[in-house]
Amino acid sequence: MKGLVGLLLIITGIVFGLFVGFYICFCGGIVQIINGFKADPISTWVIAIGILKIVGATAAGVISAFVLIIPGLAMVRSHYLF
């Protein structure tokens, strides 16, 4: 049972990392930049935050994935050791 829960944590971590890194940070950053340029007075702060979101998308995705992958790997490993 621990192995199954660990495997589910690993799969959930991969999906969560892709969601945070790609959808929220990368796609959200692009949309934020476009909205910043479409504003009547061009908002440089919104554009700068959008660029930072795009630059940090990989790091955010990896960190959020590892939050669930590491405990999942530990559970799978402990299940097969004993």
PDB file of N, CA and C in Angstrom:
ATOM      1  N   MET A   1       0.816  -1.195   0.000  1.00  0.00           N
ATOM      2  CA  MET A   1       0.000   0.000   0.000  1.00  0.00           C
ATOM      3  C   MET A   1       0.866   1.268   0.000  1.00  0.00           C
ATOM      4  N   LYS A   2       1.990   1.218   0.742  1.00  0.00           N
ATOM      5  CA  LYS A   2       2.870   2.381   0.756  1.00  0.00           C
ATOM      6  C   LYS A   2       3.457   2.638  -0.626  1.00  0.00           C
ATOM      7  N   GLY A   3       3.710   1.568  -1.354  1.00  0.00           N
ATOM      8  CA  GLY A   3       4.256   1.731  -2.698  1.00  0.00           C
ATOM      9  C   GLY A   3       3.277   2.411  -3.637  1.00  0.00           C
ATOM     10  N   LEU A   4       1.991   2.064  -3.513  1.00  0.00           N
ATOM     11  CA  LEU A   4       0.969   2.676  -4.355  1.00  0.00           C
ATOM     12  C   LEU A   4       0.787   4.150  -4.018  1.00  0.00           C
ATOM     13  N   VAL A   5       0.752   4.472  -2.741  1.00  0.00           N
ATOM     14  CA  VAL A   5       0.621   5.877  -2.334  1.00  0.00           C
ATOM     15  C   VAL A   5       1.856   6.665  -2.778  1.00  0.00           C
ATOM     16  N   GLY A   6       3.027   6.073  -2.661  1.00  0.00           N
ATOM     17  CA  GLY A   6       4.244   6.735  -3.123  1.00  0.00           C
ATOM     18  C   GLY A   6       4.223   6.984  -4.618  1.00  0.00           C
ATOM     19  N   LEU A   7       3.736   6.004  -5.378  1.00  0.00           N
ATOM     20  CA  LEU A   7       3.633   6.179  -6.823  1.00  0.00           C
ATOM     21  C   LEU A   7       2.639   7.275  -7.180  1.00  0.00           C
ATOM     22  N   LEU A   8       1.525   7.328  -6.467  1.00  0.00           N
ATOM     23  CA  LEU A   8       0.552   8.402  -6.691  1.00  0.00           C
ATOM     24  C   LEU A   8       1.143   9.774  -6.352  1.00  0.00           C
ATOM     25  N   LEU A   9       1.948   9.841  -5.298  1.00  0.00           N
ATOM     26  CA  LEU A   9       2.608  11.107  -4.964  1.00  0.00           C
ATOM     27  C   LEU A   9       3.582  11.527  -6.061  1.00  0.00           C
ATOM     28  N   ILE A  10       4.298  10.582  -6.621  1.00  0.00           N
ATOM     29  CA  ILE A  10       5.249  10.900  -7.689  1.00  0.00           C
ATOM     30  C   ILE A  10       4.511  11.414  -8.920  1.00  0.00           C
ATOM     31  N   ILE A  11       3.446  10.729  -9.313  1.00  0.00           N
ATOM     32  CA  ILE A  11       2.681  11.162 -10.481  1.00  0.00           C
ATOM     33  C   ILE A  11       2.039  12.524 -10.238  1.00  0.00           C
ATOM     34  N   THR A  12       1.486  12.721  -9.042  1.00  0.00           N
ATOM     35  CA  THR A  12       0.888  14.008  -8.705  1.00  0.00           C
ATOM     36  C   THR A  12       1.938  15.117  -8.693  1.00  0.00           C
ATOM     37  N   GLY A  13       3.143  14.817  -8.215  1.00  0.00           N
ATOM     38  CA  GLY A  13       4.218  15.803  -8.206  1.00  0.00           C
ATOM     39  C   GLY A  13       4.621  16.225  -9.604  1.00  0.00           C
ATOM     40  N   ILE A  14       4.672  15.269 -10.530  1.00  0.00           N
ATOM     41  CA  ILE A  14       5.025  15.600 -11.911  1.00  0.00           C
ATOM     42  C   ILE A  14       3.947  16.485 -12.539  1.00  0.00           C
ATOM     43  N   VAL A  15       2.697  16.104 -12.335  1.00  0.00           N
ATOM     44  CA  VAL A  15       1.594  16.900 -12.897  1.00  0.00           C
ATOM     45  C   VAL A  15       1.553  18.293 -12.261  1.00  0.00           C
ATOM     46  N   PHE A  16       1.739  18.360 -10.941  1.00  0.00           N
ATOM     47  CA  PHE A  16       1.725  19.649 -10.239  1.00  0.00           C
ATOM     48  C   PHE A  16       2.882  20.532 -10.699  1.00  0.00           C
ATOM     49  N   GLY A  17       4.066  19.950 -10.896  1.00  0.00           N
ATOM     50  CA  GLY A  17       5.211  20.720 -11.373  1.00  0.00           C
ATOM     51  C   GLY A  17       4.988  21.275 -12.769  1.00  0.00           C
ATOM     52  N   LEU A  18       4.398  20.456 -13.652  1.00  0.00           N
ATOM     53  CA  LEU A  18       4.090  20.943 -14.991  1.00  0.00           C
ATOM     54  C   LEU A  18       3.033  22.044 -14.956  1.00  0.00           C
ATOM     55  N   PHE A  19       2.040  21.888 -14.088  1.00  0.00           N
ATOM     56  CA  PHE A  19       0.988  22.896 -13.978  1.00  0.00           C
ATOM     57  C   PHE A  19       1.555  24.221 -13.485  1.00  0.00           C
ATOM     58  N   VAL A  20       2.331  24.173 -12.432  1.00  0.00           N
ATOM     59  CA  VAL A  20       2.877  25.419 -11.872  1.00  0.00           C
ATOM     60  C   VAL A  20       3.899  26.043 -12.814  1.00  0.00           C
ATOM     61  N   GLY A  21       4.823  25.230 -13.318  1.00  0.00           N
ATOM     62  CA  GLY A  21       5.888  25.776 -14.157  1.00  0.00           C
ATOM     63  C   GLY A  21       5.411  26.259 -15.504  1.00  0.00           C
ATOM     64  N   PHE A  22       4.611  25.430 -16.191  1.00  0.00           N
ATOM     65  CA  PHE A  22       4.214  25.798 -17.547  1.00  0.00           C
ATOM     66  C   PHE A  22       2.993  26.702 -17.562  1.00  0.00           C
ATOM     67  N   TYR A  23       1.927  26.260 -16.917  1.00  0.00           N
ATOM     68  CA  TYR A  23       0.671  26.993 -17.065  1.00  0.00           C
ATOM     69  C   TYR A  23       0.650  28.284 -16.254  1.00  0.00           C
ATOM     70  N   ILE A  24       0.948  28.182 -14.961  1.00  0.00           N
ATOM     71  CA  ILE A  24       0.841  29.374 -14.115  1.00  0.00           C
ATOM     72  C   ILE A  24       1.964  30.371 -14.406  1.00  0.00           C
ATOM     73  N   CYS A  25       3.205  29.889 -14.442  1.00  0.00           N
ATOM     74  CA  CYS A  25       4.319  30.835 -14.601  1.00  0.00           C
ATOM     75  C   CYS A  25       4.565  31.204 -16.060  1.00  0.00           C
ATOM     76  N   PHE A  26       4.750  30.211 -16.941  1.00  0.00           N
ATOM     77  CA  PHE A  26       5.125  30.526 -18.317  1.00  0.00           C
ATOM     78  C   PHE A  26       3.968  31.158 -19.091  1.00  0.00           C
ATOM     79  N   CYS A  27       2.844  30.448 -19.166  1.00  0.00           N
ATOM     80  CA  CYS A  27       1.691  30.995 -19.897  1.00  0.00           C
ATOM     81  C   CYS A  27       1.117  32.222 -19.198  1.00  0.00           C
ATOM     82  N   GLY A  28       1.059  32.179 -17.877  1.00  0.00           N
ATOM     83  CA  GLY A  28       0.566  33.332 -17.131  1.00  0.00           C
ATOM     84  C   GLY A  28       1.458  34.554 -17.291  1.00  0.00           C
ATOM     85  N   GLY A  29       2.762  34.338 -17.380  1.00  0.00           N
ATOM     86  CA  GLY A  29       3.685  35.447 -17.603  1.00  0.00           C
ATOM     87  C   GLY A  29       3.506  36.080 -18.972  1.00  0.00           C
ATOM     88  N   ILE A  30       3.286  35.244 -19.985  1.00  0.00           N
ATOM     89  CA  ILE A  30       3.063  35.769 -21.333  1.00  0.00           C
ATOM     90  C   ILE A  30       1.767  36.583 -21.376  1.00  0.00           C
ATOM     91  N   VAL A  31       0.714  36.054 -20.778  1.00  0.00           N
ATOM     92  CA  VAL A  31      -0.563  36.776 -20.742  1.00  0.00           C
ATOM     93  C   VAL A  31      -0.416  38.084 -19.972  1.00  0.00           C
ATOM     94  N   GLN A  32       0.347  38.058 -18.893  1.00  0.00           N
ATOM     95  CA  GLN A  32       0.542  39.265 -18.099  1.00  0.00           C
ATOM     96  C   GLN A  32       1.308  40.326 -18.888  1.00  0.00           C
ATOM     97  N   ILE A  33       2.295  39.914 -19.665  1.00  0.00           N
ATOM     98  CA  ILE A  33       3.036  40.874 -20.492  1.00  0.00           C
ATOM     99  C   ILE A  33       2.127  41.478 -21.558  1.00  0.00           C
ATOM    100  N   ILE A  34       1.314  40.640 -22.199  1.00  0.00           N
ATOM    101  CA  ILE A  34       0.398  41.146 -23.221  1.00  0.00           C
ATOM    102  C   ILE A  34      -0.593  42.127 -22.615  1.00  0.00           C
ATOM    103  N   ASN A  35      -1.128  41.801 -21.452  1.00  0.00           N
ATOM    104  CA  ASN A  35      -2.066  42.715 -20.786  1.00  0.00           C
ATOM    105  C   ASN A  35      -1.384  44.001 -20.356  1.00  0.00           C
ATOM    106  N   GLY A  36      -0.114  43.925 -19.994  1.00  0.00           N
ATOM    107  CA  GLY A  36       0.621  45.132 -19.621  1.00  0.00           C
ATOM    108  C   GLY A  36       0.815  46.075 -20.792  1.00  0.00           C
ATOM    109  N   PHE A  37       1.029  45.504 -21.990  1.00  0.00           N
ATOM    110  CA  PHE A  37       1.181  46.345 -23.172  1.00  0.00           C
ATOM    111  C   PHE A  37      -0.161  46.879 -23.672  1.00  0.00           C
ATOM    112  N   LYS A  38      -1.244  46.162 -23.395  1.00  0.00           N
ATOM    113  CA  LYS A  38      -2.562  46.612 -23.841  1.00  0.00           C
ATOM    114  C   LYS A  38      -3.160  47.682 -22.934  1.00  0.00           C
ATOM    115  N   ALA A  39      -2.615  47.873 -21.761  1.00  0.00           N
ATOM    116  CA  ALA A  39      -3.154  48.878 -20.836  1.00  0.00           C
ATOM    117  C   ALA A  39      -2.942  50.277 -21.417  1.00  0.00           C
ATOM    118  N   ASP A  40      -3.825  51.196 -21.052  1.00  0.00           N
ATOM    119  CA  ASP A  40      -3.758  52.547 -21.618  1.00  0.00           C
ATOM    120  C   ASP A  40      -2.444  53.240 -21.259  1.00  0.00           C
ATOM    121  N   PRO A  41      -2.117  53.470 -19.992  1.00  0.00           N
ATOM    122  CA  PRO A  41      -0.719  53.806 -19.722  1.00  0.00           C
ATOM    123  C   PRO A  41       0.029  52.483 -19.535  1.00  0.00           C
ATOM    124  N   ILE A  42       1.030  52.253 -20.363  1.00  0.00           N
ATOM    125  CA  ILE A  42       1.741  50.977 -20.324  1.00  0.00           C
ATOM    126  C   ILE A  42       2.363  50.806 -18.944  1.00  0.00           C
ATOM    127  N   SER A  43       2.012  49.696 -18.308  1.00  0.00           N
ATOM    128  CA  SER A  43       2.446  49.435 -16.946  1.00  0.00           C
ATOM    129  C   SER A  43       3.749  48.639 -16.964  1.00  0.00           C
ATOM    130  N   THR A  44       4.844  49.298 -16.641  1.00  0.00           N
ATOM    131  CA  THR A  44       6.133  48.618 -16.669  1.00  0.00           C
ATOM    132  C   THR A  44       6.265  47.608 -15.535  1.00  0.00           C
ATOM    133  N   TRP A  45       5.609  47.861 -14.406  1.00  0.00           N
ATOM    134  CA  TRP A  45       5.689  46.942 -13.270  1.00  0.00           C
ATOM    135  C   TRP A  45       5.050  45.602 -13.621  1.00  0.00           C
ATOM    136  N   VAL A  46       3.905  45.629 -14.285  1.00  0.00           N
ATOM    137  CA  VAL A  46       3.217  44.403 -14.685  1.00  0.00           C
ATOM    138  C   VAL A  46       4.056  43.641 -15.701  1.00  0.00           C
ATOM    139  N   ILE A  47       4.690  44.349 -16.609  1.00  0.00           N
ATOM    140  CA  ILE A  47       5.538  43.709 -17.617  1.00  0.00           C
ATOM    141  C   ILE A  47       6.763  43.093 -16.958  1.00  0.00           C
ATOM    142  N   ALA A  48       7.355  43.785 -16.005  1.00  0.00           N
ATOM    143  CA  ALA A  48       8.534  43.249 -15.311  1.00  0.00           C
ATOM    144  C   ALA A  48       8.194  41.997 -14.516  1.00  0.00           C
ATOM    145  N   ILE A  49       7.061  41.973 -13.833  1.00  0.00           N
ATOM    146  CA  ILE A  49       6.645  40.781 -13.089  1.00  0.00           C
ATOM    147  C   ILE A  49       6.374  39.633 -14.052  1.00  0.00           C
ATOM    148  N   GLY A  50       5.786  39.921 -15.204  1.00  0.00           N
ATOM    149  CA  GLY A  50       5.551  38.881 -16.216  1.00  0.00           C
ATOM    150  C   GLY A  50       6.845  38.276 -16.724  1.00  0.00           C
ATOM    151  N   ILE A  51       7.855  39.112 -16.939  1.00  0.00           N
ATOM    152  CA  ILE A  51       9.158  38.610 -17.382  1.00  0.00           C
ATOM    153  C   ILE A  51       9.799  37.751 -16.294  1.00  0.00           C
ATOM    154  N   LEU A  52       9.691  38.187 -15.050  1.00  0.00           N
ATOM    155  CA  LEU A  52      10.239  37.391 -13.943  1.00  0.00           C
ATOM    156  C   LEU A  52       9.525  36.047 -13.807  1.00  0.00           C
ATOM    157  N   LYS A  53       8.226  36.022 -14.062  1.00  0.00           N
ATOM    158  CA  LYS A  53       7.488  34.763 -14.022  1.00  0.00           C
ATOM    159  C   LYS A  53       7.985  33.804 -15.097  1.00  0.00           C
ATOM    160  N   ILE A  54       8.256  34.328 -16.291  1.00  0.00           N
ATOM    161  CA  ILE A  54       8.744  33.479 -17.375  1.00  0.00           C
ATOM    162  C   ILE A  54      10.140  32.963 -17.060  1.00  0.00           C
ATOM    163  N   VAL A  55      11.004  33.833 -16.562  1.00  0.00           N
ATOM    164  CA  VAL A  55      12.380  33.432 -16.251  1.00  0.00           C
ATOM    165  C   VAL A  55      12.414  32.389 -15.132  1.00  0.00           C
ATOM    166  N   GLY A  56      11.547  32.544 -14.138  1.00  0.00           N
ATOM    167  CA  GLY A  56      11.548  31.627 -13.006  1.00  0.00           C
ATOM    168  C   GLY A  56      10.617  30.442 -13.145  1.00  0.00           C
ATOM    169  N   ALA A  57      10.062  30.218 -14.336  1.00  0.00           N
ATOM    170  CA  ALA A  57       9.086  29.141 -14.528  1.00  0.00           C
ATOM    171  C   ALA A  57       9.704  27.772 -14.282  1.00  0.00           C
ATOM    172  N   THR A  58      10.908  27.548 -14.760  1.00  0.00           N
ATOM    173  CA  THR A  58      11.548  26.249 -14.582  1.00  0.00           C
ATOM    174  C   THR A  58      11.825  25.975 -13.111  1.00  0.00           C
ATOM    175  N   ALA A  59      12.369  26.950 -12.431  1.00  0.00           N
ATOM    176  CA  ALA A  59      12.677  26.768 -11.010  1.00  0.00           C
ATOM    177  C   ALA A  59      11.410  26.531 -10.198  1.00  0.00           C
ATOM    178  N   ALA A  60      10.361  27.275 -10.492  1.00  0.00           N
ATOM    179  CA  ALA A  60       9.101  27.097  -9.763  1.00  0.00           C
ATOM    180  C   ALA A  60       8.508  25.720 -10.027  1.00  0.00           C
ATOM    181  N   GLY A  61       8.577  25.263 -11.267  1.00  0.00           N
ATOM    182  CA  GLY A  61       8.059  23.945 -11.600  1.00  0.00           C
ATOM    183  C   GLY A  61       8.827  22.821 -10.943  1.00  0.00           C
ATOM    184  N   VAL A  62      10.145  22.930 -10.949  1.00  0.00           N
ATOM    185  CA  VAL A  62      10.987  21.888 -10.351  1.00  0.00           C
ATOM    186  C   VAL A  62      10.800  21.847  -8.837  1.00  0.00           C
ATOM    187  N   ILE A  63      10.792  22.996  -8.197  1.00  0.00           N
ATOM    188  CA  ILE A  63      10.634  23.026  -6.734  1.00  0.00           C
ATOM    189  C   ILE A  63       9.267  22.505  -6.321  1.00  0.00           C
ATOM    190  N   SER A  64       8.219  22.921  -7.030  1.00  0.00           N
ATOM    191  CA  SER A  64       6.892  22.441  -6.663  1.00  0.00           C
ATOM    192  C   SER A  64       6.715  20.958  -6.956  1.00  0.00           C
ATOM    193  N   ALA A  65       7.396  20.442  -7.955  1.00  0.00           N
ATOM    194  CA  ALA A  65       7.325  19.004  -8.238  1.00  0.00           C
ATOM    195  C   ALA A  65       8.069  18.215  -7.164  1.00  0.00           C
ATOM    196  N   PHE A  66       9.246  18.678  -6.780  1.00  0.00           N
ATOM    197  CA  PHE A  66      10.040  17.945  -5.795  1.00  0.00           C
ATOM    198  C   PHE A  66       9.392  17.900  -4.419  1.00  0.00           C
ATOM    199  N   VAL A  67       8.492  18.848  -4.135  1.00  0.00           N
ATOM    200  CA  VAL A  67       7.789  18.838  -2.851  1.00  0.00           C
ATOM    201  C   VAL A  67       6.989  17.544  -2.694  1.00  0.00           C
ATOM    202  N   LEU A  68       6.463  17.009  -3.780  1.00  0.00           N
ATOM    203  CA  LEU A  68       5.706  15.763  -3.716  1.00  0.00           C
ATOM    204  C   LEU A  68       6.500  14.548  -4.189  1.00  0.00           C
ATOM    205  N   ILE A  69       7.463  14.737  -5.076  1.00  0.00           N
ATOM    206  CA  ILE A  69       8.218  13.602  -5.610  1.00  0.00           C
ATOM    207  C   ILE A  69       9.133  13.003  -4.551  1.00  0.00           C
ATOM    208  N   ILE A  70       9.809  13.819  -3.770  1.00  0.00           N
ATOM    209  CA  ILE A  70      10.755  13.297  -2.776  1.00  0.00           C
ATOM    210  C   ILE A  70      10.067  12.433  -1.722  1.00  0.00           C
ATOM    211  N   PRO A  71       8.944  12.860  -1.119  1.00  0.00           N
ATOM    212  CA  PRO A  71       8.274  11.945  -0.186  1.00  0.00           C
ATOM    213  C   PRO A  71       7.740  10.687  -0.886  1.00  0.00           C
ATOM    214  N   GLY A  72       7.289  10.830  -2.130  1.00  0.00           N
ATOM    215  CA  GLY A  72       6.821   9.664  -2.872  1.00  0.00           C
ATOM    216  C   GLY A  72       7.926   8.670  -3.124  1.00  0.00           C
ATOM    217  N   LEU A  73       9.096   9.147  -3.486  1.00  0.00           N
ATOM    218  CA  LEU A  73      10.243   8.251  -3.682  1.00  0.00           C
ATOM    219  C   LEU A  73      10.644   7.575  -2.379  1.00  0.00           C
ATOM    220  N   ALA A  74      10.587   8.315  -1.284  1.00  0.00           N
ATOM    221  CA  ALA A  74      10.926   7.722   0.012  1.00  0.00           C
ATOM    222  C   ALA A  74       9.935   6.629   0.389  1.00  0.00           C
ATOM    223  N   MET A  75       8.655   6.833   0.094  1.00  0.00           N
ATOM    224  CA  MET A  75       7.657   5.814   0.411  1.00  0.00           C
ATOM    225  C   MET A  75       7.831   4.575  -0.460  1.00  0.00           C
ATOM    226  N   VAL A  76       8.093   4.768  -1.752  1.00  0.00           N
ATOM    227  CA  VAL A  76       8.300   3.629  -2.641  1.00  0.00           C
ATOM    228  C   VAL A  76       9.548   2.869  -2.233  1.00  0.00           C
ATOM    229  N   ARG A  77      10.589   3.596  -1.914  1.00  0.00           N
ATOM    230  CA  ARG A  77      11.852   2.964  -1.530  1.00  0.00           C
ATOM    231  C   ARG A  77      11.709   2.188  -0.220  1.00  0.00           C
ATOM    232  N   SER A  78      11.019   2.758   0.743  1.00  0.00           N
ATOM    233  CA  SER A  78      10.852   2.058   2.019  1.00  0.00           C
ATOM    234  C   SER A  78       9.938   0.845   1.874  1.00  0.00           C
ATOM    235  N   HIS A  79       9.029   0.907   0.920  1.00  0.00           N
ATOM    236  CA  HIS A  79       8.134  -0.247   0.704  1.00  0.00           C
ATOM    237  C   HIS A  79       8.900  -1.429   0.138  1.00  0.00           C
ATOM    238  N   TYR A  80       9.826  -1.171  -0.768  1.00  0.00           N
ATOM    239  CA  TYR A  80      10.549  -2.271  -1.396  1.00  0.00           C
ATOM    240  C   TYR A  80      11.781  -2.709  -0.610  1.00  0.00           C
ATOM    241  N   LEU A  81      12.188  -1.949   0.390  1.00  0.00           N
ATOM    242  CA  LEU A  81      13.318  -2.370   1.221  1.00  0.00           C
ATOM    243  C   LEU A  81      12.882  -3.355   2.295  1.00  0.00           C
ATOM    244  N   PHE A  82      11.648  -3.274   2.736  1.00  0.00           N
ATOM    245  CA  PHE A  82      11.190  -4.139   3.815  1.00  0.00           C
ATOM    246  C   PHE A  82      10.185  -5.135   3.317  1.00  0.00           C
TER     247      PHE A  82
END
